[in-house]
Amino acid sequence: MSENRASLVSLKGLTVSFDGVRVLHGVDLEVAAGEAVGLVGESGSGKSVTWLAALGLLPRKAQVSGSATLKGIELIGASPRVLDSVRGGRIAMISQDPASALNPVLRVGKQIGEALALHRGLSGQALRAEALRLLELVGIPDAPRRLDSYPHEFSGGQNQRVMIAMALAGQPELLVADEPTTALDVTIQAQILDLLREIRREMNMALVLISHDLGVISETCDRVGVMYAGRIVEQASAARLFETPQHPYTQGLLASLPPLDGPRRRMRSIPGVVPDPRHLPMGCAFAPRCDRPTSRCLQAQPMLSPLEAGHAVACFHPASAKPGMRAA
């Protein structure tokens, strides 16, 4: 967390289990007011589950423990009244698939209006005027007419903008964006990321960006947490993480990026796959895929420990990045 900013959201020892199988193993994370934090990792690493658990959005069969606080308000085990006041209001979340998140039989103006009525108590002409302002804010052309359109009348990028407008309706202090550009082409992806950066600056809003795209994270975030098998394995400022990654998993992710300059080289990939939570290996979960495991790695789980101020890693043998292993 930035030393110059007050803590907004604090996750401590957050764990999640489904039917007795633990999928999240004690996540600790701080998000400061106005800060942009990225979470990266392969599918199944626990990025989305972390925030769904913090906001009480997991199914009832999920067993959640630990702590998630918003300016001192505990969210884990909180009453529906408390969660309803936080979700969509103080913390908003946008999903990676707006087509399934939007109601296909309701006009977008109606859907944005519901969020405005719930979180800000608006109605009548004031509600419509604010819905129009939000559509214009997120760059929807001909906004007065498009308020009365249905989701299927928008493109994928425009539907994502509608989702962002709905998220902003409650004037949140934190926006959690879960893979917001996955289904979009690179041109529209860049426009959505520029929009998020601009809105964040204007509203002094904190942002958590969940993504598997390291390029997106490097351009958008102040600080980055790398997740693997339900744990944060490395955490640092974006500049430091991409310049000198210490965990072999982080190094592997960066090594898989194609270089933009210099001689062409064969793409490198991390062998194997993320382990099944039901059959995690003993010791470090990454050891079977690591190129430098020792007997200690196979017997004990390394804890996330500080290397220096603002940089922590969960590895018994952290090492500076090898040449060429930098983000594009």
Protein backbone atom coordinates (compact mmCIF):
# COMPACT_ATOMS: atom_id res chain seq x y z
CA MET A 1 0.00 0.00 0.00
CA SER A 2 1.18 3.51 -0.72
CA GLU A 3 2.72 5.07 2.37
CA ASN A 4 1.11 8.43 1.52
CA ARG A 5 -2.46 7.15 1.29
CA ALA A 6 -4.91 5.95 3.91
CA SER A 7 -6.08 2.35 3.75
CA LEU A 8 -9.48 1.92 2.11
CA VAL A 9 -9.91 -1.86 1.98
CA SER A 10 -7.93 -4.40 3.99
CA LEU A 11 -8.00 -8.17 3.42
CA LYS A 12 -6.36 -10.27 6.14
CA GLY A 13 -6.11 -14.06 6.23
CA LEU A 14 -8.95 -14.42 3.73
CA THR A 15 -9.71 -18.09 3.06
CA VAL A 16 -12.40 -19.79 0.97
CA SER A 17 -13.42 -23.45 0.80
CA PHE A 18 -15.99 -25.30 -1.29
CA ASP A 19 -17.23 -28.64 0.05
CA GLY A 20 -14.20 -28.84 2.31
CA VAL A 21 -11.71 -28.07 -0.47
CA ARG A 22 -9.75 -24.90 0.23
CA VAL A 23 -9.29 -22.70 -2.84
CA LEU A 24 -8.02 -19.53 -1.16
CA HIS A 25 -5.25 -19.77 1.41
CA GLY A 26 -5.02 -16.71 3.63
CA VAL A 27 -4.86 -13.73 1.26
CA ASP A 28 -3.54 -10.47 2.72
CA LEU A 29 -4.00 -7.32 0.63
CA GLU A 30 -4.35 -3.60 1.26
CA VAL A 31 -5.90 -1.10 -1.16
CA ALA A 32 -5.36 2.58 -0.44
CA ALA A 33 -7.80 5.35 -1.31
CA GLY A 34 -7.26 6.40 -4.92
CA GLU A 35 -4.78 3.59 -5.63
CA ALA A 36 -4.85 1.23 -8.62
CA VAL A 37 -3.94 -2.36 -7.69
CA GLY A 38 -3.61 -5.18 -10.20
CA LEU A 39 -4.10 -8.90 -9.56
CA VAL A 40 -2.53 -11.20 -12.14
CA GLY A 41 -2.19 -14.94 -12.55
CA GLU A 42 -3.43 -17.85 -14.64
CA SER A 43 -7.06 -18.91 -14.63
CA GLY A 44 -7.85 -20.73 -11.39
CA SER A 45 -5.33 -18.82 -9.30
CA GLY A 46 -8.01 -17.22 -7.09
CA LYS A 47 -8.13 -13.63 -8.37
CA SER A 48 -11.89 -13.36 -8.83
CA VAL A 49 -12.77 -15.55 -5.84
CA THR A 50 -10.83 -13.17 -3.58
CA TRP A 51 -13.14 -10.24 -4.32
CA LEU A 52 -16.33 -12.25 -4.62
CA ALA A 53 -15.61 -13.56 -1.13
CA ALA A 54 -14.83 -10.10 0.24
CA LEU A 55 -18.15 -8.77 -1.09
CA GLY A 56 -20.25 -11.75 0.02
CA LEU A 57 -21.09 -12.77 -3.56
CA LEU A 58 -20.10 -16.44 -3.39
CA PRO A 59 -22.78 -19.16 -3.23
CA ARG A 60 -23.98 -20.29 0.19
CA LYS A 61 -21.97 -23.50 0.08
CA ALA A 62 -18.75 -21.46 0.20
CA GLN A 63 -17.06 -21.32 3.60
CA VAL A 64 -15.35 -17.96 4.00
CA SER A 65 -13.13 -16.92 6.92
CA GLY A 66 -10.65 -14.19 7.69
CA SER A 67 -11.27 -10.47 7.48
CA ALA A 68 -12.24 -7.95 4.80
CA THR A 69 -12.77 -4.41 6.05
CA LEU A 70 -13.84 -1.20 4.33
CA LYS A 71 -12.55 1.69 6.44
CA GLY A 72 -12.96 -0.47 9.53
CA ILE A 73 -16.34 -1.98 8.59
CA GLU A 74 -16.09 -5.78 8.63
CA LEU A 75 -17.67 -7.35 5.54
CA ILE A 76 -17.09 -11.05 6.24
CA GLY A 77 -20.21 -12.28 8.01
CA ALA A 78 -21.84 -8.84 7.81
CA SER A 79 -25.62 -8.51 7.76
CA PRO A 80 -27.45 -8.18 4.42
CA ARG A 81 -28.21 -4.57 5.33
CA VAL A 82 -24.53 -3.72 5.68
CA LEU A 83 -23.57 -5.57 2.50
CA ASP A 84 -26.37 -3.92 0.52
CA SER A 85 -25.10 -0.51 1.58
CA VAL A 86 -21.57 -1.38 0.45
CA ARG A 87 -22.09 -3.36 -2.75
CA GLY A 88 -22.79 -1.14 -5.73
CA GLY A 89 -22.48 1.91 -3.52
CA ARG A 90 -19.11 2.20 -1.81
CA ILE A 91 -17.63 -0.75 -3.73
CA ALA A 92 -18.75 -1.56 -7.27
CA MET A 93 -17.75 -4.53 -9.42
CA ILE A 94 -17.86 -4.95 -13.18
CA SER A 95 -17.62 -8.39 -14.75
CA GLN A 96 -15.78 -9.67 -17.80
CA ASP A 97 -19.01 -10.57 -19.63
CA PRO A 98 -21.39 -7.60 -19.85
CA ALA A 99 -23.70 -9.49 -22.18
CA SER A 100 -24.65 -11.88 -19.39
CA ALA A 101 -24.58 -9.25 -16.63
CA LEU A 102 -27.08 -6.92 -18.30
CA ASN A 103 -30.78 -7.80 -18.35
CA PRO A 104 -31.67 -8.37 -22.02
CA VAL A 105 -35.34 -7.39 -21.63
CA LEU A 106 -34.77 -4.04 -19.90
CA ARG A 107 -33.64 -0.83 -21.59
CA VAL A 108 -30.20 0.31 -20.44
CA GLY A 109 -31.63 3.56 -19.08
CA LYS A 110 -33.93 1.53 -16.84
CA GLN A 111 -31.03 -0.58 -15.58
CA ILE A 112 -28.83 2.43 -14.83
CA GLY A 113 -31.84 4.11 -13.24
CA GLU A 114 -32.37 1.19 -10.85
CA ALA A 115 -28.82 1.63 -9.56
CA LEU A 116 -29.32 5.39 -9.17
CA ALA A 117 -32.62 4.91 -7.30
CA LEU A 118 -31.13 2.29 -4.98
CA HIS A 119 -27.85 3.98 -4.10
CA ARG A 120 -28.63 7.68 -4.46
CA GLY A 121 -32.40 7.88 -4.03
CA LEU A 122 -33.01 9.65 -7.34
CA SER A 123 -36.30 9.57 -9.23
CA GLY A 124 -38.16 11.22 -12.09
CA GLN A 125 -36.34 13.73 -14.26
CA ALA A 126 -33.35 13.92 -11.90
CA LEU A 127 -32.82 10.17 -12.33
CA ARG A 128 -33.03 10.33 -16.13
CA ALA A 129 -30.72 13.34 -16.27
CA GLU A 130 -28.09 11.55 -14.17
CA ALA A 131 -28.41 8.35 -16.23
CA LEU A 132 -27.84 10.46 -19.35
CA ARG A 133 -24.82 12.13 -17.78
CA LEU A 134 -23.30 8.75 -16.92
CA LEU A 135 -23.79 7.42 -20.45
CA GLU A 136 -22.11 10.53 -21.83
CA LEU A 137 -19.32 10.19 -19.25
CA VAL A 138 -18.47 6.69 -20.48
CA GLY A 139 -18.48 7.81 -24.11
CA ILE A 140 -21.72 6.40 -25.51
CA PRO A 141 -22.60 8.45 -28.64
CA ASP A 142 -26.12 9.85 -29.06
CA ALA A 143 -26.73 9.14 -25.34
CA PRO A 144 -30.32 10.57 -25.15
CA ARG A 145 -31.53 8.08 -27.75
CA ARG A 146 -29.42 5.17 -26.52
CA LEU A 147 -30.92 5.39 -23.02
CA ASP A 148 -34.00 3.72 -24.49
CA SER A 149 -32.05 0.98 -26.31
CA TYR A 150 -31.73 -2.65 -25.22
CA PRO A 151 -28.37 -4.36 -24.55
CA HIS A 152 -28.52 -6.34 -27.82
CA GLU A 153 -28.52 -3.04 -29.72
CA PHE A 154 -25.05 -2.20 -28.38
CA SER A 155 -21.67 -3.59 -29.39
CA GLY A 156 -19.55 -5.53 -26.89
CA GLY A 157 -17.43 -2.48 -26.11
CA GLN A 158 -20.50 -0.28 -25.66
CA ASN A 159 -22.10 -2.82 -23.32
CA GLN A 160 -18.91 -2.74 -21.23
CA ARG A 161 -19.24 1.05 -21.09
CA VAL A 162 -22.85 0.65 -19.94
CA MET A 163 -21.62 -1.67 -17.17
CA ILE A 164 -19.08 0.95 -16.12
CA ALA A 165 -21.83 3.60 -16.07
CA MET A 166 -23.95 1.35 -13.81
CA ALA A 167 -20.97 0.79 -11.53
CA LEU A 168 -20.39 4.55 -11.26
CA ALA A 169 -24.05 5.21 -10.42
CA GLY A 170 -23.39 4.69 -6.72
CA GLN A 171 -20.30 6.96 -6.74
CA PRO A 172 -18.08 4.15 -5.40
CA GLU A 173 -14.86 4.61 -3.50
CA LEU A 174 -13.51 1.39 -5.06
CA LEU A 175 -14.17 -0.15 -8.46
CA VAL A 176 -13.29 -3.83 -8.89
CA ALA A 177 -12.88 -4.58 -12.61
CA ASP A 178 -12.78 -8.32 -13.28
CA GLU A 179 -11.18 -8.93 -16.70
CA PRO A 180 -13.08 -5.95 -18.15
CA THR A 181 -11.47 -6.17 -21.60
CA THR A 182 -11.17 -9.93 -22.16
CA ALA A 183 -13.83 -10.24 -24.86
CA LEU A 184 -12.89 -7.01 -26.69
CA ASP A 185 -10.53 -6.39 -29.59
CA VAL A 186 -7.31 -4.51 -28.86
CA THR A 187 -8.57 -1.14 -30.12
CA ILE A 188 -11.71 -1.19 -27.95
CA GLN A 189 -9.65 -2.64 -25.08
CA ALA A 190 -7.38 0.41 -25.16
CA GLN A 191 -10.40 2.74 -25.16
CA ILE A 192 -11.93 1.02 -22.11
CA LEU A 193 -8.63 1.18 -20.20
CA ASP A 194 -8.22 4.87 -21.06
CA LEU A 195 -11.77 5.44 -19.83
CA LEU A 196 -11.08 3.68 -16.51
CA ARG A 197 -7.91 5.74 -15.97
CA GLU A 198 -9.70 8.99 -16.75
CA ILE A 199 -12.66 8.23 -14.48
CA ARG A 200 -10.35 7.14 -11.68
CA ARG A 201 -8.48 10.46 -11.84
CA GLU A 202 -11.66 12.55 -11.99
CA MET A 203 -13.39 10.73 -9.11
CA ASN A 204 -10.26 9.95 -7.01
CA MET A 205 -11.54 6.38 -7.01
CA ALA A 206 -9.50 3.32 -6.09
CA LEU A 207 -9.31 0.56 -8.69
CA VAL A 208 -8.65 -3.17 -8.44
CA LEU A 209 -7.96 -4.58 -11.90
CA ILE A 210 -8.14 -8.37 -12.21
CA SER A 211 -6.44 -9.61 -15.36
CA HIS A 212 -4.21 -12.24 -16.89
CA ASP A 213 -2.84 -9.61 -19.31
CA LEU A 214 0.44 -8.25 -17.96
CA GLY A 215 0.51 -5.46 -20.53
CA VAL A 216 -2.84 -4.15 -19.32
CA ILE A 217 -1.67 -4.29 -15.70
CA SER A 218 1.63 -2.52 -16.38
CA GLU A 219 -0.14 0.39 -18.12
CA THR A 220 -2.89 0.83 -15.54
CA CYS A 221 -1.78 -0.10 -12.00
CA ASP A 222 0.40 1.44 -9.29
CA ARG A 223 0.94 -1.86 -7.48
CA VAL A 224 0.61 -5.51 -8.47
CA GLY A 225 -0.12 -8.76 -6.65
CA VAL A 226 0.73 -12.02 -8.43
CA MET A 227 -1.53 -14.94 -7.45
CA TYR A 228 -0.91 -18.66 -7.80
CA ALA A 229 -2.97 -21.58 -6.45
CA GLY A 230 -4.99 -19.39 -4.07
CA ARG A 231 -2.09 -17.38 -2.66
CA ILE A 232 -0.37 -14.08 -3.39
CA VAL A 233 3.18 -15.13 -4.24
CA GLU A 234 4.65 -11.72 -5.03
CA GLN A 235 3.59 -8.14 -4.40
CA ALA A 236 5.38 -4.92 -5.37
CA SER A 237 5.00 -1.62 -7.17
CA ALA A 238 4.30 -2.13 -10.86
CA ALA A 239 7.61 -0.55 -11.84
CA ARG A 240 9.64 -2.77 -9.54
CA LEU A 241 7.73 -5.97 -10.31
CA PHE A 242 8.21 -5.64 -14.05
CA GLU A 243 11.83 -4.51 -13.69
CA THR A 244 13.07 -7.06 -11.14
CA PRO A 245 10.59 -9.91 -10.53
CA GLN A 246 11.73 -12.19 -7.73
CA HIS A 247 9.39 -15.18 -7.75
CA PRO A 248 10.05 -17.82 -10.45
CA TYR A 249 6.34 -17.78 -11.36
CA THR A 250 6.41 -14.02 -11.95
CA GLN A 251 9.57 -14.43 -13.97
CA GLY A 252 7.91 -17.13 -16.04
CA LEU A 253 4.88 -14.95 -16.75
CA LEU A 254 7.08 -12.10 -17.91
CA ALA A 255 9.32 -14.39 -19.97
CA SER A 256 6.26 -15.51 -21.95
CA LEU A 257 5.74 -11.98 -23.31
CA PRO A 258 7.08 -11.35 -26.82
CA PRO A 259 9.84 -8.70 -26.94
CA LEU A 260 9.11 -5.52 -28.88
CA ASP A 261 12.74 -4.91 -29.81
CA GLY A 262 15.99 -6.82 -30.16
CA PRO A 263 16.46 -10.17 -31.87
CA ARG A 264 13.52 -12.49 -32.27
CA ARG A 265 13.50 -15.44 -29.88
CA ARG A 266 11.37 -18.49 -29.27
CA MET A 267 8.46 -17.85 -26.92
CA ARG A 268 8.95 -19.40 -23.51
CA SER A 269 6.15 -20.87 -21.45
CA ILE A 270 5.80 -22.27 -17.94
CA PRO A 271 5.54 -26.07 -18.11
CA GLY A 272 2.55 -27.79 -16.54
CA VAL A 273 -0.71 -26.29 -15.28
CA VAL A 274 -2.10 -24.72 -12.11
CA PRO A 275 -2.68 -27.62 -9.68
CA ASP A 276 -6.14 -28.87 -8.81
CA PRO A 277 -7.09 -27.43 -5.37
CA ARG A 278 -8.15 -30.95 -4.32
CA HIS A 279 -4.67 -32.31 -4.99
CA LEU A 280 -2.17 -29.62 -4.11
CA PRO A 281 1.43 -30.83 -3.90
CA MET A 282 3.27 -30.81 -0.60
CA GLY A 283 5.36 -27.75 0.06
CA CYS A 284 5.35 -24.92 -2.43
CA ALA A 285 2.45 -25.28 -4.88
CA PHE A 286 4.65 -23.97 -7.70
CA ALA A 287 7.54 -26.37 -7.05
CA PRO A 288 6.47 -28.98 -9.68
CA ARG A 289 6.66 -26.27 -12.37
CA CYS A 290 9.69 -24.42 -11.02
CA ASP A 291 13.12 -24.62 -12.65
CA ARG A 292 15.02 -24.30 -9.38
CA PRO A 293 13.23 -26.31 -6.63
CA THR A 294 15.11 -27.69 -3.65
CA SER A 295 14.16 -30.26 -1.04
CA ARG A 296 12.94 -27.42 1.20
CA CYS A 297 10.52 -26.28 -1.54
CA LEU A 298 9.04 -29.78 -1.69
CA GLN A 299 8.47 -29.98 2.06
CA ALA A 300 7.33 -26.55 3.28
CA GLN A 301 5.09 -23.76 2.04
CA PRO A 302 6.92 -20.39 1.83
CA MET A 303 5.10 -17.45 3.37
CA LEU A 304 4.80 -14.01 1.79
CA SER A 305 7.71 -12.13 3.34
CA PRO A 306 9.17 -8.66 2.68
CA LEU A 307 12.40 -8.42 0.71
CA GLU A 308 12.49 -4.67 1.14
CA ALA A 309 10.01 -1.86 1.64
CA GLY A 310 7.03 -2.39 -0.64
CA HIS A 311 8.23 -5.68 -2.15
CA ALA A 312 7.27 -9.08 -0.72
CA VAL A 313 7.67 -12.59 -2.14
CA ALA A 314 6.64 -16.11 -1.10
CA CYS A 315 9.73 -18.02 -2.20
CA PHE A 316 12.62 -19.71 -0.40
CA HIS A 317 14.99 -18.81 -3.24
CA PRO A 318 14.02 -15.44 -4.70
CA ALA A 319 16.32 -14.20 -7.42
CA SER A 320 16.68 -11.09 -9.55
CA ALA A 321 15.15 -11.25 -12.99
CA LYS A 322 17.23 -12.76 -15.76
CA PRO A 323 18.07 -10.64 -18.81
CA GLY A 324 15.20 -10.27 -21.24
CA MET A 325 12.50 -11.05 -18.68
CA ARG A 326 10.86 -7.65 -18.66
CA ALA A 327 7.38 -6.59 -19.55
CA ALA A 328 6.84 -5.20 -22.99
